[in-house]
PDB file of N, CA and C in Angstrom:
ATOM      1  N   MET A   1      94.208  76.520  70.003  1.00  0.00           N
ATOM      2  CA  MET A   1      94.015  76.432  71.429  1.00  0.00           C
ATOM      3  C   MET A   1      92.644  75.852  71.758  1.00  0.00           C
ATOM      4  N   ARG A   2      91.651  76.193  70.949  1.00  0.00           N
ATOM      5  CA  ARG A   2      90.297  75.693  71.213  1.00  0.00           C
ATOM      6  C   ARG A   2      90.247  74.179  71.048  1.00  0.00           C
ATOM      7  N   GLU A   3      90.984  73.671  70.072  1.00  0.00           N
ATOM      8  CA  GLU A   3      90.988  72.224  69.844  1.00  0.00           C
ATOM      9  C   GLU A   3      91.582  71.472  71.039  1.00  0.00           C
ATOM     10  N   ASN A   4      92.520  72.096  71.721  1.00  0.00           N
ATOM     11  CA  ASN A   4      93.161  71.459  72.879  1.00  0.00           C
ATOM     12  C   ASN A   4      92.488  71.823  74.206  1.00  0.00           C
ATOM     13  N   GLY A   5      91.417  72.620  74.153  1.00  0.00           N
ATOM     14  CA  GLY A   5      90.702  72.998  75.371  1.00  0.00           C
ATOM     15  C   GLY A   5      91.434  74.026  76.220  1.00  0.00           C
ATOM     16  N   LEU A   6      92.281  74.819  75.591  1.00  0.00           N
ATOM     17  CA  LEU A   6      93.043  75.832  76.323  1.00  0.00           C
ATOM     18  C   LEU A   6      92.382  77.198  76.190  1.00  0.00           C
ATOM     19  N   LYS A   7      92.470  77.991  77.248  1.00  0.00           N
ATOM     20  CA  LYS A   7      91.936  79.351  77.216  1.00  0.00           C
ATOM     21  C   LYS A   7      93.000  80.307  77.743  1.00  0.00           C
ATOM     22  N   ALA A   8      93.016  81.507  77.205  1.00  0.00           N
ATOM     23  CA  ALA A   8      93.953  82.531  77.668  1.00  0.00           C
ATOM     24  C   ALA A   8      93.478  83.092  79.005  1.00  0.00           C
ATOM     25  N   LEU A   9      94.413  83.417  79.881  1.00  0.00           N
ATOM     26  CA  LEU A   9      94.070  84.026  81.162  1.00  0.00           C
ATOM     27  C   LEU A   9      93.860  85.524  80.979  1.00  0.00           C
ATOM     28  N   GLN A  10      92.796  86.047  81.564  1.00  0.00           N
ATOM     29  CA  GLN A  10      92.543  87.478  81.505  1.00  0.00           C
ATOM     30  C   GLN A  10      93.024  88.109  82.802  1.00  0.00           C
ATOM     31  N   THR A  11      93.722  89.234  82.685  1.00  0.00           N
ATOM     32  CA  THR A  11      94.191  89.930  83.879  1.00  0.00           C
ATOM     33  C   THR A  11      93.062  90.790  84.438  1.00  0.00           C
ATOM     34  N   ARG A  12      93.012  90.876  85.761  1.00  0.00           N
ATOM     35  CA  ARG A  12      91.992  91.694  86.401  1.00  0.00           C
ATOM     36  C   ARG A  12      92.473  93.135  86.490  1.00  0.00           C
ATOM     37  N   ARG A  13      91.521  94.070  86.440  1.00  0.00           N
ATOM     38  CA  ARG A  13      91.855  95.474  86.595  1.00  0.00           C
ATOM     39  C   ARG A  13      92.236  95.747  88.044  1.00  0.00           C
ATOM     40  N   PHE A  14      93.103  96.734  88.252  1.00  0.00           N
ATOM     41  CA  PHE A  14      93.523  97.126  89.594  1.00  0.00           C
ATOM     42  C   PHE A  14      92.348  97.744  90.331  1.00  0.00           C
ATOM     43  N   LYS A  15      92.078  97.247  91.539  1.00  0.00           N
ATOM     44  CA  LYS A  15      90.977  97.776  92.335  1.00  0.00           C
ATOM     45  C   LYS A  15      91.531  98.760  93.355  1.00  0.00           C
ATOM     46  N   LYS A  16      91.111  99.997  93.261  1.00  0.00           N
ATOM     47  CA  LYS A  16      91.567 101.043  94.169  1.00  0.00           C
ATOM     48  C   LYS A  16      90.880 100.860  95.518  1.00  0.00           C
ATOM     49  N   THR A  17      91.667 100.690  96.586  1.00  0.00           N
ATOM     50  CA  THR A  17      91.089 100.427  97.899  1.00  0.00           C
ATOM     51  C   THR A  17      91.204 101.614  98.849  1.00  0.00           C
ATOM     52  N   THR A  18      91.966 102.633  98.486  1.00  0.00           N
ATOM     53  CA  THR A  18      92.134 103.800  99.349  1.00  0.00           C
ATOM     54  C   THR A  18      91.412 104.986  98.740  1.00  0.00           C
ATOM     55  N   ASP A  19      90.589 105.643  99.528  1.00  0.00           N
ATOM     56  CA  ASP A  19      89.859 106.819  99.063  1.00  0.00           C
ATOM     57  C   ASP A  19      90.536 108.063  99.621  1.00  0.00           C
ATOM     58  N   SER A  20      91.447 108.662  98.837  1.00  0.00           N
ATOM     59  CA  SER A  20      92.141 109.857  99.308  1.00  0.00           C
ATOM     60  C   SER A  20      91.328 111.118  99.075  1.00  0.00           C
ATOM     61  N   GLU A  21      90.175 111.002  98.448  1.00  0.00           N
ATOM     62  CA  GLU A  21      89.303 112.150  98.191  1.00  0.00           C
ATOM     63  C   GLU A  21      88.170 112.213  99.206  1.00  0.00           C
ATOM     64  N   HIS A  22      88.387 111.673 100.401  1.00  0.00           N
ATOM     65  CA  HIS A  22      87.337 111.666 101.417  1.00  0.00           C
ATOM     66  C   HIS A  22      87.119 113.080 101.958  1.00  0.00           C
ATOM     67  N   GLY A  23      86.007 113.288 102.586  1.00  0.00           N
ATOM     68  CA  GLY A  23      85.698 114.596 103.142  1.00  0.00           C
ATOM     69  C   GLY A  23      86.016 114.715 104.614  1.00  0.00           C
ATOM     70  N   GLY A  24      86.626 113.680 105.176  1.00  0.00           N
ATOM     71  CA  GLY A  24      86.921 113.688 106.605  1.00  0.00           C
ATOM     72  C   GLY A  24      88.071 114.619 106.952  1.00  0.00           C
ATOM     73  N   PRO A  25      88.176 115.007 108.214  1.00  0.00           N
ATOM     74  CA  PRO A  25      89.245 115.918 108.629  1.00  0.00           C
ATOM     75  C   PRO A  25      90.600 115.212 108.687  1.00  0.00           C
ATOM     76  N   VAL A  26      91.660 115.986 108.525  1.00  0.00           N
ATOM     77  CA  VAL A  26      93.022 115.480 108.622  1.00  0.00           C
ATOM     78  C   VAL A  26      93.567 115.913 109.977  1.00  0.00           C
ATOM     79  N   ALA A  27      94.234 115.001 110.661  1.00  0.00           N
ATOM     80  CA  ALA A  27      94.757 115.298 111.997  1.00  0.00           C
ATOM     81  C   ALA A  27      95.836 116.378 111.918  1.00  0.00           C
ATOM     82  N   PRO A  28      95.884 117.261 112.895  1.00  0.00           N
ATOM     83  CA  PRO A  28      96.897 118.326 112.885  1.00  0.00           C
ATOM     84  C   PRO A  28      98.289 117.768 113.185  1.00  0.00           C
ATOM     85  N   ASN A  29      99.317 118.420 112.660  1.00  0.00           N
ATOM     86  CA  ASN A  29     100.703 118.018 112.885  1.00  0.00           C
ATOM     87  C   ASN A  29     101.206 118.729 114.141  1.00  0.00           C
ATOM     88  N   VAL A  30     100.946 118.154 115.308  1.00  0.00           N
ATOM     89  CA  VAL A  30     101.283 118.816 116.568  1.00  0.00           C
ATOM     90  C   VAL A  30     102.784 118.767 116.874  1.00  0.00           C
ATOM     91  N   LEU A  31     103.518 117.796 116.344  1.00  0.00           N
ATOM     92  CA  LEU A  31     104.960 117.735 116.591  1.00  0.00           C
ATOM     93  C   LEU A  31     105.739 118.684 115.688  1.00  0.00           C
ATOM     94  N   ASP A  32     105.226 118.980 114.523  1.00  0.00           N
ATOM     95  CA  ASP A  32     105.878 119.875 113.553  1.00  0.00           C
ATOM     96  C   ASP A  32     107.342 119.483 113.332  1.00  0.00           C
ATOM     97  N   GLN A  33     107.595 118.191 113.160  1.00  0.00           N
ATOM     98  CA  GLN A  33     108.912 117.601 112.900  1.00  0.00           C
ATOM     99  C   GLN A  33     109.900 117.809 114.047  1.00  0.00           C
ATOM    100  N   ASP A  34     109.451 118.162 115.242  1.00  0.00           N
ATOM    101  CA  ASP A  34     110.322 118.303 116.408  1.00  0.00           C
ATOM    102  C   ASP A  34     110.156 117.049 117.266  1.00  0.00           C
ATOM    103  N   PHE A  35     111.085 116.088 117.100  1.00  0.00           N
ATOM    104  CA  PHE A  35     110.966 114.801 117.774  1.00  0.00           C
ATOM    105  C   PHE A  35     111.797 114.726 119.055  1.00  0.00           C
ATOM    106  N   SER A  36     112.450 115.805 119.437  1.00  0.00           N
ATOM    107  CA  SER A  36     113.228 115.789 120.677  1.00  0.00           C
ATOM    108  C   SER A  36     112.286 115.939 121.869  1.00  0.00           C
ATOM    109  N   ALA A  37     112.675 115.336 122.990  1.00  0.00           N
ATOM    110  CA  ALA A  37     111.831 115.380 124.185  1.00  0.00           C
ATOM    111  C   ALA A  37     112.686 115.699 125.406  1.00  0.00           C
ATOM    112  N   GLU A  38     112.112 116.410 126.334  1.00  0.00           N
ATOM    113  CA  GLU A  38     112.808 116.773 127.571  1.00  0.00           C
ATOM    114  C   GLU A  38     112.928 115.566 128.507  1.00  0.00           C
ATOM    115  N   GLN A  39     111.914 114.707 128.526  1.00  0.00           N
ATOM    116  CA  GLN A  39     111.904 113.555 129.420  1.00  0.00           C
ATOM    117  C   GLN A  39     111.272 112.361 128.704  1.00  0.00           C
ATOM    118  N   ALA A  40     111.375 111.196 129.308  1.00  0.00           N
ATOM    119  CA  ALA A  40     110.811 109.979 128.718  1.00  0.00           C
ATOM    120  C   ALA A  40     109.284 110.044 128.726  1.00  0.00           C
ATOM    121  N   ASN A  41     108.661 109.372 127.765  1.00  0.00           N
ATOM    122  CA  ASN A  41     107.200 109.295 127.618  1.00  0.00           C
ATOM    123  C   ASN A  41     106.534 110.646 127.366  1.00  0.00           C
ATOM    124  N   GLU A  42     107.269 111.583 126.813  1.00  0.00           N
ATOM    125  CA  GLU A  42     106.694 112.893 126.531  1.00  0.00           C
ATOM    126  C   GLU A  42     106.058 112.922 125.139  1.00  0.00           C
ATOM    127  N   LYS A  43     106.686 112.232 124.179  1.00  0.00           N
ATOM    128  CA  LYS A  43     106.171 112.187 122.810  1.00  0.00           C
ATOM    129  C   LYS A  43     106.143 110.740 122.347  1.00  0.00           C
ATOM    130  N   TRP A  44     105.056 110.361 121.727  1.00  0.00           N
ATOM    131  CA  TRP A  44     104.879 109.008 121.227  1.00  0.00           C
ATOM    132  C   TRP A  44     104.552 109.072 119.744  1.00  0.00           C
ATOM    133  N   GLY A  45     104.858 107.990 119.036  1.00  0.00           N
ATOM    134  CA  GLY A  45     104.528 107.896 117.617  1.00  0.00           C
ATOM    135  C   GLY A  45     103.990 106.517 117.296  1.00  0.00           C
ATOM    136  N   ALA A  46     103.232 106.443 116.196  1.00  0.00           N
ATOM    137  CA  ALA A  46     102.669 105.162 115.760  1.00  0.00           C
ATOM    138  C   ALA A  46     102.565 105.158 114.243  1.00  0.00           C
ATOM    139  N   ASP A  47     102.497 103.970 113.675  1.00  0.00           N
ATOM    140  CA  ASP A  47     102.377 103.811 112.232  1.00  0.00           C
ATOM    141  C   ASP A  47     101.310 102.762 111.964  1.00  0.00           C
ATOM    142  N   ILE A  48     100.324 103.105 111.162  1.00  0.00           N
ATOM    143  CA  ILE A  48      99.246 102.156 110.878  1.00  0.00           C
ATOM    144  C   ILE A  48      99.315 101.608 109.462  1.00  0.00           C
ATOM    145  N   SER A  49     100.451 101.846 108.787  1.00  0.00           N
ATOM    146  CA  SER A  49     100.551 101.310 107.433  1.00  0.00           C
ATOM    147  C   SER A  49     100.906  99.863 107.533  1.00  0.00           C
TER     148      SER A  49
END
């Protein structure tokens, strides 16, 4: 390979981007899996993933 000027590709290590060991507070589960609502616009949800 050296005679032909070829080099092997090296794989990069996985870089961890999420710190699940943070010291910040976790939001409370105020819905407690109860997604039913008496009227419109009473309960809202969002996803940031």
